[in-house]
N, C-alpha and C. Protein backbone atom coordinates (compact mmCIF):
# COMPACT_ATOMS: atom_id res chain seq x y z
N MET A 1 61.02 132.79 259.08
CA MET A 1 60.26 132.27 257.95
C MET A 1 59.95 133.37 256.93
N TRP A 2 59.61 134.60 257.42
CA TRP A 2 59.25 135.65 256.46
C TRP A 2 60.40 135.99 255.54
N LYS A 3 61.64 135.89 256.04
CA LYS A 3 62.78 136.21 255.20
C LYS A 3 62.88 135.24 254.04
N ALA A 4 62.75 133.96 254.33
CA ALA A 4 62.83 132.97 253.27
C ALA A 4 61.68 133.12 252.28
N THR A 5 60.47 133.43 252.80
CA THR A 5 59.30 133.59 251.93
C THR A 5 59.50 134.76 250.98
N VAL A 6 60.00 135.87 251.50
CA VAL A 6 60.25 137.04 250.66
C VAL A 6 61.24 136.72 249.56
N VAL A 7 62.32 136.04 249.92
CA VAL A 7 63.34 135.70 248.92
C VAL A 7 62.76 134.80 247.84
N VAL A 8 61.99 133.79 248.22
CA VAL A 8 61.41 132.87 247.24
C VAL A 8 60.43 133.60 246.34
N MET A 9 59.55 134.44 246.93
CA MET A 9 58.57 135.16 246.13
C MET A 9 59.24 136.11 245.15
N LEU A 10 60.28 136.81 245.59
CA LEU A 10 61.01 137.71 244.70
C LEU A 10 61.68 136.93 243.58
N ALA A 11 62.24 135.79 243.91
CA ALA A 11 62.90 134.98 242.89
C ALA A 11 61.90 134.53 241.83
N LEU A 12 60.73 134.06 242.28
CA LEU A 12 59.71 133.61 241.32
C LEU A 12 59.22 134.76 240.48
N PHE A 13 58.95 135.91 241.13
CA PHE A 13 58.46 137.06 240.39
C PHE A 13 59.52 137.57 239.43
N GLY A 14 60.77 137.55 239.86
CA GLY A 14 61.85 137.99 238.99
C GLY A 14 61.96 137.15 237.74
N LEU A 15 61.74 135.84 237.88
CA LEU A 15 61.80 134.96 236.72
C LEU A 15 60.71 135.31 235.72
N LEU A 16 59.56 135.76 236.23
CA LEU A 16 58.47 136.11 235.34
C LEU A 16 58.72 137.44 234.65
N ILE A 17 59.28 138.39 235.39
CA ILE A 17 59.44 139.73 234.86
C ILE A 17 60.75 139.88 234.09
N LEU A 18 61.78 139.16 234.50
CA LEU A 18 63.11 139.39 233.97
C LEU A 18 63.73 138.13 233.37
N PRO A 19 63.07 137.46 232.44
CA PRO A 19 63.64 136.22 231.91
C PRO A 19 64.80 136.48 230.96
N GLY A 20 65.90 135.79 231.18
CA GLY A 20 66.95 135.75 230.17
C GLY A 20 67.87 136.94 230.14
N SER A 21 67.57 138.03 230.87
CA SER A 21 68.43 139.19 230.84
C SER A 21 68.15 140.03 232.07
N ALA A 22 68.95 141.11 232.22
CA ALA A 22 68.77 141.95 233.39
C ALA A 22 67.42 142.66 233.38
N TRP A 23 66.88 142.92 232.19
CA TRP A 23 65.66 143.70 232.10
C TRP A 23 64.45 142.85 231.70
N GLY A 24 64.66 141.70 231.11
CA GLY A 24 63.53 140.88 230.68
C GLY A 24 63.06 141.22 229.29
N ALA A 25 61.95 140.59 228.89
CA ALA A 25 61.41 140.79 227.55
C ALA A 25 61.00 142.25 227.35
N TRP A 26 61.30 142.80 226.18
CA TRP A 26 60.98 144.20 225.92
C TRP A 26 59.48 144.43 225.93
N ALA A 27 58.71 143.37 225.73
CA ALA A 27 57.26 143.52 225.72
C ALA A 27 56.74 143.99 227.07
N THR A 28 57.51 143.80 228.13
CA THR A 28 57.07 144.23 229.46
C THR A 28 57.53 145.64 229.78
N LEU A 29 58.16 146.33 228.85
CA LEU A 29 58.75 147.63 229.12
C LEU A 29 57.91 148.77 228.58
N ASP A 30 58.05 149.93 229.22
CA ASP A 30 57.48 151.17 228.70
C ASP A 30 58.44 151.77 227.69
N PHE A 31 57.97 152.77 226.96
CA PHE A 31 58.88 153.50 226.09
C PHE A 31 58.74 154.99 226.34
N VAL A 32 59.82 155.72 226.08
CA VAL A 32 59.85 157.16 226.34
C VAL A 32 58.75 157.83 225.52
N GLY A 33 57.92 158.63 226.20
CA GLY A 33 56.84 159.32 225.53
C GLY A 33 55.55 158.54 225.43
N GLY A 34 55.57 157.25 225.87
CA GLY A 34 54.37 156.44 225.79
C GLY A 34 53.30 156.94 226.76
N PRO A 35 52.08 156.37 226.73
CA PRO A 35 51.74 155.14 226.00
C PRO A 35 51.31 155.33 224.55
N ASP A 36 51.01 156.58 224.13
CA ASP A 36 50.66 156.75 222.72
C ASP A 36 51.93 156.73 221.88
N PHE A 37 51.78 156.69 220.57
CA PHE A 37 52.94 156.50 219.71
C PHE A 37 53.53 157.80 219.19
N ASP A 38 52.91 158.92 219.55
CA ASP A 38 53.50 160.23 219.29
C ASP A 38 54.37 160.56 220.50
N THR A 39 55.66 160.30 220.39
CA THR A 39 56.56 160.48 221.54
C THR A 39 57.21 161.86 221.55
N SER A 40 56.74 162.76 220.68
CA SER A 40 57.36 164.08 220.58
C SER A 40 57.10 164.93 221.82
N ASP A 41 56.19 164.50 222.71
CA ASP A 41 55.99 165.22 223.95
C ASP A 41 57.18 165.05 224.89
N ALA A 42 57.96 163.99 224.68
CA ALA A 42 59.11 163.73 225.54
C ALA A 42 60.44 163.73 224.78
N ILE A 43 60.38 163.71 223.45
CA ILE A 43 61.60 163.64 222.63
C ILE A 43 61.51 164.69 221.52
N SER A 44 62.55 165.51 221.40
CA SER A 44 62.66 166.41 220.25
C SER A 44 63.78 165.89 219.35
N ALA A 45 63.54 165.94 218.06
CA ALA A 45 64.51 165.41 217.09
C ALA A 45 65.03 166.53 216.19
N SER A 46 66.29 166.46 215.88
CA SER A 46 66.92 167.38 214.93
C SER A 46 67.81 166.56 214.00
N ALA A 47 68.22 167.16 212.89
CA ALA A 47 69.00 166.40 211.90
C ALA A 47 69.93 167.32 211.14
N SER A 48 70.88 166.68 210.45
CA SER A 48 71.88 167.41 209.67
C SER A 48 71.25 168.16 208.50
N GLY A 49 70.10 167.68 208.03
CA GLY A 49 69.43 168.34 206.92
C GLY A 49 68.17 167.57 206.57
N ILE A 50 67.34 168.16 205.72
CA ILE A 50 66.13 167.48 205.25
C ILE A 50 66.04 167.64 203.73
N GLU A 51 65.43 166.65 203.11
CA GLU A 51 65.30 166.68 201.66
C GLU A 51 64.28 167.72 201.21
N ALA A 52 63.16 167.80 201.92
CA ALA A 52 62.10 168.71 201.52
C ALA A 52 61.18 168.96 202.70
N SER A 53 60.36 169.99 202.61
CA SER A 53 59.39 170.31 203.65
C SER A 53 58.48 169.11 203.89
N GLY A 54 58.16 168.86 205.16
CA GLY A 54 57.31 167.74 205.50
C GLY A 54 58.04 166.43 205.68
N ARG A 55 59.36 166.45 205.55
CA ARG A 55 60.15 165.23 205.67
C ARG A 55 61.23 165.39 206.73
N GLY A 56 60.88 166.16 207.78
CA GLY A 56 61.85 166.47 208.81
C GLY A 56 62.02 165.37 209.85
N PRO A 57 62.98 165.54 210.76
CA PRO A 57 63.28 164.52 211.77
C PRO A 57 62.16 164.31 212.78
N ASP A 58 61.25 165.29 212.92
CA ASP A 58 60.12 165.10 213.83
C ASP A 58 59.28 163.90 213.45
N ASN A 59 59.29 163.52 212.16
CA ASN A 59 58.52 162.36 211.71
C ASN A 59 59.00 161.06 212.37
N VAL A 60 60.23 161.06 212.88
CA VAL A 60 60.80 159.84 213.45
C VAL A 60 60.33 159.61 214.89
N VAL A 61 59.73 160.64 215.50
CA VAL A 61 59.27 160.50 216.89
C VAL A 61 57.78 160.83 217.07
N ASN A 62 57.10 161.26 216.02
CA ASN A 62 55.70 161.70 216.19
C ASN A 62 54.67 160.63 215.88
N GLY A 63 55.12 159.43 215.54
CA GLY A 63 54.18 158.34 215.29
C GLY A 63 53.54 158.36 213.93
N ASP A 64 53.82 159.36 213.10
CA ASP A 64 53.23 159.41 211.77
C ASP A 64 53.61 158.17 210.98
N GLY A 65 52.62 157.54 210.38
CA GLY A 65 52.86 156.35 209.56
C GLY A 65 52.69 155.04 210.28
N LEU A 66 52.63 155.07 211.63
CA LEU A 66 52.43 153.83 212.37
C LEU A 66 50.96 153.43 212.37
N ASP A 67 50.70 152.13 212.38
CA ASP A 67 49.32 151.64 212.45
C ASP A 67 48.78 151.80 213.87
N GLY A 68 47.52 151.40 214.07
CA GLY A 68 46.87 151.59 215.36
C GLY A 68 47.54 150.87 216.50
N ALA A 69 48.23 149.78 216.20
CA ALA A 69 48.94 149.02 217.24
C ALA A 69 50.34 149.56 217.48
N GLY A 70 50.79 150.51 216.65
CA GLY A 70 52.12 151.08 216.82
C GLY A 70 53.24 150.15 216.43
N LEU A 71 52.96 149.19 215.54
CA LEU A 71 53.95 148.18 215.19
C LEU A 71 54.39 148.22 213.74
N LEU A 72 53.50 148.60 212.84
CA LEU A 72 53.80 148.58 211.41
C LEU A 72 53.80 149.99 210.85
N HIS A 73 54.77 150.28 209.98
CA HIS A 73 54.94 151.63 209.44
C HIS A 73 54.56 151.68 207.97
N SER A 74 54.06 152.82 207.57
CA SER A 74 53.65 153.01 206.17
C SER A 74 54.86 153.13 205.25
N GLY A 75 54.59 153.20 203.97
CA GLY A 75 55.63 153.45 202.98
C GLY A 75 55.54 154.84 202.40
N VAL A 76 54.84 155.75 203.08
CA VAL A 76 54.63 157.11 202.58
C VAL A 76 55.81 158.00 202.98
N LYS A 77 56.43 158.65 202.02
CA LYS A 77 57.67 159.38 202.29
C LYS A 77 57.49 160.53 203.25
N THR A 78 56.30 161.14 203.29
CA THR A 78 56.07 162.26 204.20
C THR A 78 55.83 161.81 205.64
N ASP A 79 55.88 160.51 205.89
CA ASP A 79 55.82 159.98 207.26
C ASP A 79 57.22 159.69 207.79
N MET A 80 58.26 160.08 207.05
CA MET A 80 59.64 159.71 207.38
C MET A 80 60.55 160.93 207.35
N TRP A 81 61.77 160.73 207.84
CA TRP A 81 62.82 161.73 207.68
C TRP A 81 63.74 161.30 206.55
N ALA A 82 64.13 162.26 205.71
CA ALA A 82 65.15 162.03 204.69
C ALA A 82 66.09 163.23 204.69
N SER A 83 67.40 162.95 204.66
CA SER A 83 68.38 164.03 204.62
C SER A 83 68.41 164.66 203.23
N GLU A 84 69.15 165.73 203.11
CA GLU A 84 69.29 166.37 201.81
C GLU A 84 70.04 165.47 200.85
N ASN A 85 69.82 165.67 199.56
CA ASN A 85 70.58 164.94 198.55
C ASN A 85 72.06 165.34 198.64
N ASP A 86 72.93 164.42 198.23
CA ASP A 86 74.37 164.66 198.21
C ASP A 86 74.88 165.13 199.58
N ALA A 87 74.46 164.39 200.62
CA ALA A 87 74.88 164.74 201.98
C ALA A 87 76.39 164.67 202.14
N ALA A 88 77.05 163.88 201.29
CA ALA A 88 78.51 163.72 201.40
C ALA A 88 79.25 165.02 201.17
N SER A 89 78.58 165.98 200.50
CA SER A 89 79.25 167.24 200.21
C SER A 89 79.28 168.16 201.42
N SER A 90 78.59 167.78 202.49
CA SER A 90 78.52 168.63 203.68
C SER A 90 78.71 167.80 204.93
N MET A 91 79.88 167.20 205.09
CA MET A 91 80.19 166.40 206.29
C MET A 91 79.98 167.27 207.53
N ASP A 92 79.32 166.70 208.55
CA ASP A 92 78.89 167.52 209.67
C ASP A 92 78.77 166.62 210.90
N SER A 93 78.57 167.25 212.05
CA SER A 93 78.31 166.51 213.29
C SER A 93 77.27 167.26 214.09
N TYR A 94 76.65 166.56 215.04
CA TYR A 94 75.64 167.19 215.91
C TYR A 94 76.25 168.36 216.67
N ASN A 95 77.40 168.11 217.27
CA ASN A 95 78.20 169.18 217.87
C ASN A 95 79.65 168.72 217.92
N ALA A 96 80.51 169.54 218.50
CA ALA A 96 81.94 169.24 218.49
C ALA A 96 82.29 167.99 219.29
N GLY A 97 81.37 167.50 220.11
CA GLY A 97 81.65 166.31 220.90
C GLY A 97 81.30 165.01 220.23
N THR A 98 80.63 165.07 219.08
CA THR A 98 80.15 163.86 218.43
C THR A 98 80.85 163.63 217.09
N THR A 99 80.61 162.46 216.52
CA THR A 99 81.28 162.03 215.29
C THR A 99 80.79 162.80 214.07
N VAL A 100 81.72 163.06 213.17
CA VAL A 100 81.39 163.69 211.89
C VAL A 100 80.95 162.62 210.90
N GLY A 101 79.89 162.91 210.13
CA GLY A 101 79.41 161.97 209.13
C GLY A 101 78.63 162.68 208.04
N GLU A 102 78.21 161.92 207.04
CA GLU A 102 77.45 162.51 205.94
C GLU A 102 76.07 162.97 206.39
N ALA A 103 75.51 162.29 207.38
CA ALA A 103 74.20 162.66 207.90
C ALA A 103 74.07 162.20 209.33
N TRP A 104 73.29 162.94 210.13
CA TRP A 104 73.03 162.53 211.50
C TRP A 104 71.61 162.93 211.88
N ILE A 105 71.07 162.21 212.87
CA ILE A 105 69.80 162.57 213.47
C ILE A 105 69.98 162.45 214.98
N ALA A 106 69.49 163.46 215.71
CA ALA A 106 69.72 163.53 217.16
C ALA A 106 68.39 163.55 217.89
N PHE A 107 68.38 162.93 219.07
CA PHE A 107 67.20 162.87 219.92
C PHE A 107 67.53 163.46 221.28
N GLU A 108 66.77 164.47 221.70
CA GLU A 108 66.93 165.06 223.02
C GLU A 108 65.69 164.75 223.83
N PHE A 109 65.87 164.09 224.98
CA PHE A 109 64.75 163.72 225.85
C PHE A 109 64.47 164.85 226.83
N ASP A 110 63.29 164.80 227.44
CA ASP A 110 62.92 165.83 228.41
C ASP A 110 63.60 165.66 229.76
N GLN A 111 64.32 164.54 229.93
CA GLN A 111 65.08 164.29 231.16
C GLN A 111 66.04 163.15 230.87
N VAL A 112 66.88 162.83 231.82
CA VAL A 112 67.75 161.66 231.70
C VAL A 112 66.92 160.40 231.94
N TYR A 113 67.04 159.43 231.04
CA TYR A 113 66.34 158.16 231.16
C TYR A 113 67.34 157.02 231.22
N ASP A 114 66.95 155.95 231.91
CA ASP A 114 67.68 154.68 231.83
C ASP A 114 67.13 153.93 230.63
N LEU A 115 67.88 153.94 229.55
CA LEU A 115 67.41 153.37 228.29
C LEU A 115 67.80 151.90 228.19
N VAL A 116 66.81 151.05 228.09
CA VAL A 116 67.05 149.62 227.96
C VAL A 116 67.46 149.28 226.53
N GLY A 117 66.80 149.88 225.57
CA GLY A 117 67.10 149.59 224.17
C GLY A 117 66.26 150.43 223.24
N MET A 118 66.37 150.17 221.95
CA MET A 118 65.63 150.93 220.96
C MET A 118 65.22 150.06 219.79
N TRP A 119 64.09 150.40 219.20
CA TRP A 119 63.65 149.80 217.95
C TRP A 119 63.83 150.82 216.85
N VAL A 120 64.23 150.36 215.68
CA VAL A 120 64.42 151.24 214.53
C VAL A 120 63.61 150.72 213.35
N TRP A 121 62.73 151.59 212.85
CA TRP A 121 62.09 151.37 211.56
C TRP A 121 62.90 152.18 210.55
N ASN A 122 63.59 151.51 209.64
CA ASN A 122 64.45 152.22 208.70
C ASN A 122 63.62 152.87 207.60
N TYR A 123 64.29 153.68 206.80
CA TYR A 123 63.61 154.38 205.70
C TYR A 123 62.91 153.37 204.81
N ASN A 124 61.63 153.62 204.54
CA ASN A 124 60.79 152.58 203.97
C ASN A 124 59.89 153.12 202.85
N ARG A 125 60.37 154.09 202.12
CA ARG A 125 59.56 154.70 201.07
C ARG A 125 59.11 153.66 200.04
N GLU A 126 57.81 153.65 199.76
CA GLU A 126 57.29 152.72 198.75
C GLU A 126 57.96 152.98 197.41
N TYR A 127 58.11 151.93 196.65
CA TYR A 127 58.70 151.94 195.31
C TYR A 127 60.21 152.09 195.33
N GLU A 128 60.81 152.12 196.57
CA GLU A 128 62.27 152.10 196.61
C GLU A 128 62.76 150.77 196.02
N VAL A 129 63.90 150.82 195.40
CA VAL A 129 64.55 149.60 194.93
C VAL A 129 65.96 149.60 195.51
N PRO A 130 66.57 148.43 195.64
CA PRO A 130 67.87 148.39 196.33
C PRO A 130 68.94 149.30 195.75
N LEU A 131 68.87 149.62 194.48
CA LEU A 131 69.93 150.42 193.89
C LEU A 131 69.96 151.85 194.40
N TRP A 132 68.83 152.35 194.94
CA TRP A 132 68.87 153.71 195.45
C TRP A 132 68.07 153.86 196.74
N GLN A 133 68.05 152.79 197.51
CA GLN A 133 67.36 152.80 198.79
C GLN A 133 68.12 153.67 199.79
N ASP A 134 67.39 154.52 200.47
CA ASP A 134 68.03 155.50 201.34
C ASP A 134 68.08 155.09 202.81
N SER A 135 67.79 153.84 203.13
CA SER A 135 67.90 153.37 204.51
C SER A 135 69.33 153.56 205.03
N MET A 136 69.45 154.06 206.26
CA MET A 136 70.77 154.15 206.87
C MET A 136 71.32 152.74 207.07
N LYS A 137 72.63 152.57 206.92
CA LYS A 137 73.25 151.25 207.00
C LYS A 137 74.21 151.21 208.19
N ASP A 138 75.47 151.46 207.95
CA ASP A 138 76.46 151.48 209.03
C ASP A 138 76.38 152.83 209.75
N VAL A 139 76.22 152.78 211.06
CA VAL A 139 76.03 154.02 211.83
C VAL A 139 76.85 153.96 213.11
N ILE A 140 77.05 155.13 213.70
CA ILE A 140 77.61 155.26 215.04
C ILE A 140 76.53 155.85 215.92
N ILE A 141 76.24 155.20 217.02
CA ILE A 141 75.24 155.67 217.97
C ILE A 141 75.97 156.19 219.20
N GLU A 142 75.77 157.46 219.51
CA GLU A 142 76.42 158.09 220.65
C GLU A 142 75.37 158.59 221.63
N TYR A 143 75.72 158.61 222.91
CA TYR A 143 74.76 158.99 223.93
C TYR A 143 75.46 159.79 225.03
N SER A 144 74.68 160.62 225.71
CA SER A 144 75.26 161.50 226.73
C SER A 144 74.15 161.93 227.69
N THR A 145 74.53 162.21 228.92
CA THR A 145 73.57 162.79 229.86
C THR A 145 73.56 164.31 229.79
N THR A 146 74.64 164.90 229.23
CA THR A 146 74.79 166.36 229.22
C THR A 146 74.66 166.98 227.84
N GLY A 147 75.05 166.24 226.81
CA GLY A 147 74.95 166.76 225.44
C GLY A 147 75.97 167.82 225.11
N GLY A 148 77.05 167.89 225.87
CA GLY A 148 78.03 168.94 225.69
C GLY A 148 78.93 168.75 224.48
N THR A 149 79.83 169.70 224.27
CA THR A 149 80.71 169.71 223.11
C THR A 149 82.05 169.04 223.36
N ASN A 150 82.27 168.56 224.56
CA ASN A 150 83.51 167.85 224.88
C ASN A 150 83.30 166.36 224.57
N PRO A 151 84.16 165.78 223.72
CA PRO A 151 84.00 164.35 223.40
C PRO A 151 83.96 163.45 224.64
N ALA A 152 84.58 163.89 225.74
CA ALA A 152 84.59 163.09 226.96
C ALA A 152 83.19 162.95 227.56
N GLU A 153 82.26 163.79 227.13
CA GLU A 153 80.89 163.73 227.65
C GLU A 153 80.04 162.69 226.91
N TRP A 154 80.61 162.06 225.89
CA TRP A 154 79.86 161.14 225.05
C TRP A 154 80.48 159.75 225.06
N ASN A 155 79.63 158.75 224.94
CA ASN A 155 80.06 157.38 224.70
C ASN A 155 79.30 156.88 223.48
N GLY A 156 79.79 155.82 222.86
CA GLY A 156 79.10 155.33 221.67
C GLY A 156 79.62 154.01 221.18
N PHE A 157 79.01 153.55 220.11
CA PHE A 157 79.37 152.27 219.50
C PHE A 157 78.90 152.27 218.05
N SER A 158 79.49 151.37 217.27
CA SER A 158 79.11 151.21 215.87
C SER A 158 78.16 150.03 215.72
N THR A 159 77.25 150.13 214.77
CA THR A 159 76.35 149.03 214.49
C THR A 159 75.82 149.17 213.06
N THR A 160 75.11 148.16 212.61
CA THR A 160 74.52 148.18 211.27
C THR A 160 73.01 148.05 211.41
N LEU A 161 72.28 148.94 210.76
CA LEU A 161 70.82 148.91 210.76
C LEU A 161 70.34 148.09 209.57
N ASN A 162 69.36 147.24 209.79
CA ASN A 162 68.77 146.49 208.68
C ASN A 162 67.95 147.43 207.80
N PRO A 163 67.88 147.17 206.49
CA PRO A 163 67.19 148.10 205.58
C PRO A 163 65.67 147.95 205.62
N GLY A 164 64.98 149.02 205.24
CA GLY A 164 63.55 148.93 205.00
C GLY A 164 63.29 148.19 203.70
N ALA A 165 62.05 147.72 203.57
CA ALA A 165 61.70 146.91 202.39
C ALA A 165 61.07 147.72 201.28
N GLY A 166 60.76 149.00 201.55
CA GLY A 166 60.10 149.79 200.53
C GLY A 166 58.68 149.34 200.27
N ALA A 167 57.97 148.97 201.34
CA ALA A 167 56.60 148.47 201.21
C ALA A 167 55.79 148.91 202.41
N PRO A 168 54.46 149.07 202.26
CA PRO A 168 53.63 149.46 203.40
C PRO A 168 53.55 148.33 204.42
N GLY A 169 53.22 148.70 205.66
CA GLY A 169 53.08 147.69 206.71
C GLY A 169 54.38 147.07 207.14
N GLU A 170 55.42 147.88 207.29
CA GLU A 170 56.76 147.39 207.63
C GLU A 170 56.97 147.37 209.13
N ALA A 171 57.33 146.21 209.68
CA ALA A 171 57.69 146.12 211.09
C ALA A 171 59.08 146.69 211.31
N HIS A 172 59.40 147.02 212.56
CA HIS A 172 60.75 147.51 212.84
C HIS A 172 61.76 146.43 212.43
N GLU A 173 62.83 146.86 211.82
CA GLU A 173 63.80 145.91 211.30
C GLU A 173 64.96 145.64 212.25
N THR A 174 65.20 146.55 213.20
CA THR A 174 66.38 146.44 214.04
C THR A 174 66.02 146.69 215.50
N GLU A 175 66.54 145.85 216.39
CA GLU A 175 66.45 146.05 217.84
C GLU A 175 67.87 146.19 218.38
N ILE A 176 68.09 147.23 219.18
CA ILE A 176 69.42 147.51 219.70
C ILE A 176 69.36 147.60 221.21
N ALA A 177 70.11 146.78 221.91
CA ALA A 177 70.20 146.84 223.37
C ALA A 177 71.10 148.00 223.75
N LEU A 178 70.69 148.77 224.75
CA LEU A 178 71.47 149.92 225.19
C LEU A 178 71.98 149.74 226.62
N GLY A 179 71.07 149.76 227.61
CA GLY A 179 71.51 149.64 228.99
C GLY A 179 72.35 150.81 229.45
N VAL A 180 71.92 152.05 229.09
CA VAL A 180 72.68 153.26 229.44
C VAL A 180 71.73 154.32 229.97
N SER A 181 72.29 155.29 230.67
CA SER A 181 71.55 156.48 231.07
C SER A 181 71.89 157.59 230.09
N ALA A 182 70.88 158.29 229.58
CA ALA A 182 71.14 159.32 228.58
C ALA A 182 69.99 160.31 228.51
N ARG A 183 70.31 161.52 228.11
CA ARG A 183 69.31 162.52 227.73
C ARG A 183 69.44 162.86 226.25
N TYR A 184 70.57 162.48 225.66
CA TYR A 184 70.83 162.75 224.25
C TYR A 184 71.30 161.47 223.57
N VAL A 185 70.76 161.21 222.40
CA VAL A 185 71.22 160.09 221.57
C VAL A 185 71.36 160.61 220.14
N VAL A 186 72.50 160.31 219.53
CA VAL A 186 72.76 160.76 218.15
C VAL A 186 73.12 159.56 217.29
N ILE A 187 72.48 159.45 216.14
CA ILE A 187 72.79 158.41 215.16
C ILE A 187 73.46 159.09 213.96
N THR A 188 74.68 158.70 213.66
CA THR A 188 75.46 159.32 212.58
C THR A 188 75.85 158.27 211.55
N SER A 189 75.69 158.60 210.28
CA SER A 189 76.08 157.66 209.22
C SER A 189 77.58 157.42 209.27
N ASP A 190 77.96 156.17 209.02
CA ASP A 190 79.37 155.79 209.03
C ASP A 190 79.72 155.09 207.72
N GLY A 191 79.14 155.57 206.64
CA GLY A 191 79.32 154.97 205.32
C GLY A 191 78.08 155.22 204.49
N PRO A 192 78.03 154.67 203.30
CA PRO A 192 76.89 154.92 202.41
C PRO A 192 75.61 154.26 202.92
N SER A 193 74.47 154.72 202.40
CA SER A 193 73.20 154.08 202.70
C SER A 193 73.15 152.71 202.03
N TRP A 194 72.08 151.95 202.31
CA TRP A 194 72.00 150.59 201.80
C TRP A 194 72.04 150.52 200.27
N GLY A 195 71.47 151.50 199.62
CA GLY A 195 71.40 151.39 198.16
C GLY A 195 72.18 152.46 197.42
N GLU A 196 73.05 153.19 198.12
CA GLU A 196 73.75 154.30 197.47
C GLU A 196 74.69 153.78 196.38
N SER A 197 74.41 154.18 195.16
CA SER A 197 75.29 153.81 194.06
C SER A 197 75.39 154.91 193.02
N ASP A 198 74.57 155.97 193.22
CA ASP A 198 74.55 157.02 192.23
C ASP A 198 75.13 158.33 192.74
N GLY A 199 75.76 158.30 193.92
CA GLY A 199 76.38 159.51 194.45
C GLY A 199 75.42 160.46 195.12
N GLU A 200 74.14 160.09 195.26
CA GLU A 200 73.19 160.98 195.91
C GLU A 200 73.55 161.23 197.36
N GLY A 201 73.94 160.18 198.07
CA GLY A 201 74.32 160.35 199.46
C GLY A 201 73.18 160.81 200.34
N ARG A 202 71.98 160.30 200.13
CA ARG A 202 70.83 160.67 200.95
C ARG A 202 70.55 159.53 201.93
N TYR A 203 70.05 159.91 203.13
CA TYR A 203 69.80 158.95 204.20
C TYR A 203 68.43 159.22 204.80
N GLY A 204 67.84 158.18 205.41
CA GLY A 204 66.56 158.40 206.05
C GLY A 204 66.23 157.34 207.09
N LEU A 205 65.26 157.67 207.94
CA LEU A 205 64.68 156.75 208.92
C LEU A 205 63.18 156.99 208.96
N SER A 206 62.44 155.97 209.39
CA SER A 206 60.99 156.11 209.51
C SER A 206 60.57 156.41 210.95
N GLU A 207 61.05 155.63 211.90
CA GLU A 207 60.63 155.80 213.29
C GLU A 207 61.69 155.17 214.20
N VAL A 208 61.83 155.74 215.40
CA VAL A 208 62.70 155.19 216.43
C VAL A 208 61.94 155.21 217.75
N ARG A 209 62.02 154.13 218.51
CA ARG A 209 61.34 154.04 219.80
C ARG A 209 62.36 153.62 220.86
N PHE A 210 62.39 154.34 221.96
CA PHE A 210 63.33 154.08 223.05
C PHE A 210 62.60 153.47 224.23
N PHE A 211 63.12 152.37 224.74
CA PHE A 211 62.47 151.64 225.83
C PHE A 211 63.13 151.91 227.17
N VAL A 212 62.28 151.98 228.20
CA VAL A 212 62.73 152.16 229.58
C VAL A 212 62.04 151.12 230.46
N PRO A 213 62.59 150.81 231.63
CA PRO A 213 61.93 149.84 232.51
C PRO A 213 60.59 150.37 233.01
N GLU A 214 59.63 149.48 233.16
CA GLU A 214 58.38 149.85 233.81
C GLU A 214 58.65 150.15 235.27
N PRO A 215 57.86 151.02 235.90
CA PRO A 215 58.05 151.27 237.34
C PRO A 215 58.03 149.99 238.16
N MET A 216 57.15 149.03 237.82
CA MET A 216 57.09 147.77 238.56
C MET A 216 58.38 146.99 238.41
N THR A 217 58.96 147.04 237.19
CA THR A 217 60.22 146.34 236.97
C THR A 217 61.32 146.93 237.84
N LEU A 218 61.35 148.27 237.91
CA LEU A 218 62.35 148.92 238.77
C LEU A 218 62.14 148.53 240.23
N ALA A 219 60.88 148.44 240.64
CA ALA A 219 60.60 148.04 242.02
C ALA A 219 61.09 146.63 242.29
N VAL A 220 60.89 145.75 241.32
CA VAL A 220 61.35 144.37 241.49
C VAL A 220 62.87 144.32 241.60
N LEU A 221 63.56 145.12 240.76
CA LEU A 221 65.02 145.15 240.84
C LEU A 221 65.47 145.64 242.21
N ALA A 222 64.81 146.68 242.72
CA ALA A 222 65.18 147.20 244.03
C ALA A 222 64.91 146.17 245.12
N LEU A 223 63.76 145.51 245.05
CA LEU A 223 63.44 144.49 246.04
C LEU A 223 64.38 143.29 245.93
N GLY A 224 64.78 142.98 244.70
CA GLY A 224 65.73 141.89 244.51
C GLY A 224 67.05 142.19 245.20
N SER A 225 67.49 143.46 245.09
CA SER A 225 68.73 143.85 245.78
C SER A 225 68.56 143.73 247.29
N LEU A 226 67.36 144.13 247.78
CA LEU A 226 67.09 144.02 249.20
C LEU A 226 67.10 142.57 249.65
N ALA A 227 66.52 141.69 248.82
CA ALA A 227 66.49 140.27 249.17
C ALA A 227 67.90 139.70 249.25
N ALA A 228 68.75 140.12 248.32
CA ALA A 228 70.13 139.64 248.34
C ALA A 228 70.84 140.11 249.60
N LEU A 229 70.55 141.36 250.01
CA LEU A 229 71.15 141.88 251.23
C LEU A 229 70.68 141.09 252.45
N ILE A 230 69.37 140.76 252.47
CA ILE A 230 68.82 139.98 253.58
C ILE A 230 69.52 138.63 253.67
N ARG A 231 69.74 137.98 252.49
CA ARG A 231 70.39 136.67 252.50
C ARG A 231 71.80 136.77 253.08
N ARG A 232 72.52 137.86 252.69
CA ARG A 232 73.89 137.99 253.16
C ARG A 232 73.95 138.23 254.68
N ARG A 233 72.89 138.83 255.25
CA ARG A 233 72.92 139.19 256.66
C ARG A 233 72.32 138.11 257.56
N ARG A 234 71.78 137.06 256.94
CA ARG A 234 71.17 135.99 257.77
C ARG A 234 72.23 135.27 258.56
């Protein structure tokens, strides 16, 4: 009887914790560097360049500009990262193992994490207009456990980030499922920004948050595997 009870309880609990996907709703997940919104204790950020002092890549992980709930971002430019103007004149990559692009921003974690996904708040400077909005658009996201210079150490994919609105109180515009183990993540531009039309070639982001399973979620997954094994051995 106990075997059947365990299986039923795990199944019911799994439905509550993991609806619709292997990991469940992101609302039940922790994020790297949490629970506060300054995640720079666990993530260091670097970039291909910065437009000016106070606008470095650390702004993308330090929580600057987020409201008290950690959901809405300001439109203040010094709360964001922006690359140098005319980034196209200096095509570059994080290292020899990653893609070359007009601009890149890299995240190094304090350890290897099982990353469920990420939220992106794109560049959201107030008074931006679509003709010269610096939100990153088409990008390549690469990840690695080692961060080495051999391309074989990296995997990646292309995606498109939704643009910021250029207004205060901006929610994250893009959610990206990952399901990978990584200590390094690099986002590289794969074309012009959303509003590039004047040859400036500048890019920016406001904030990025990386999600990981809660310890309880991991325990449920492990117990679920155990329950499946019990069923097979009955």
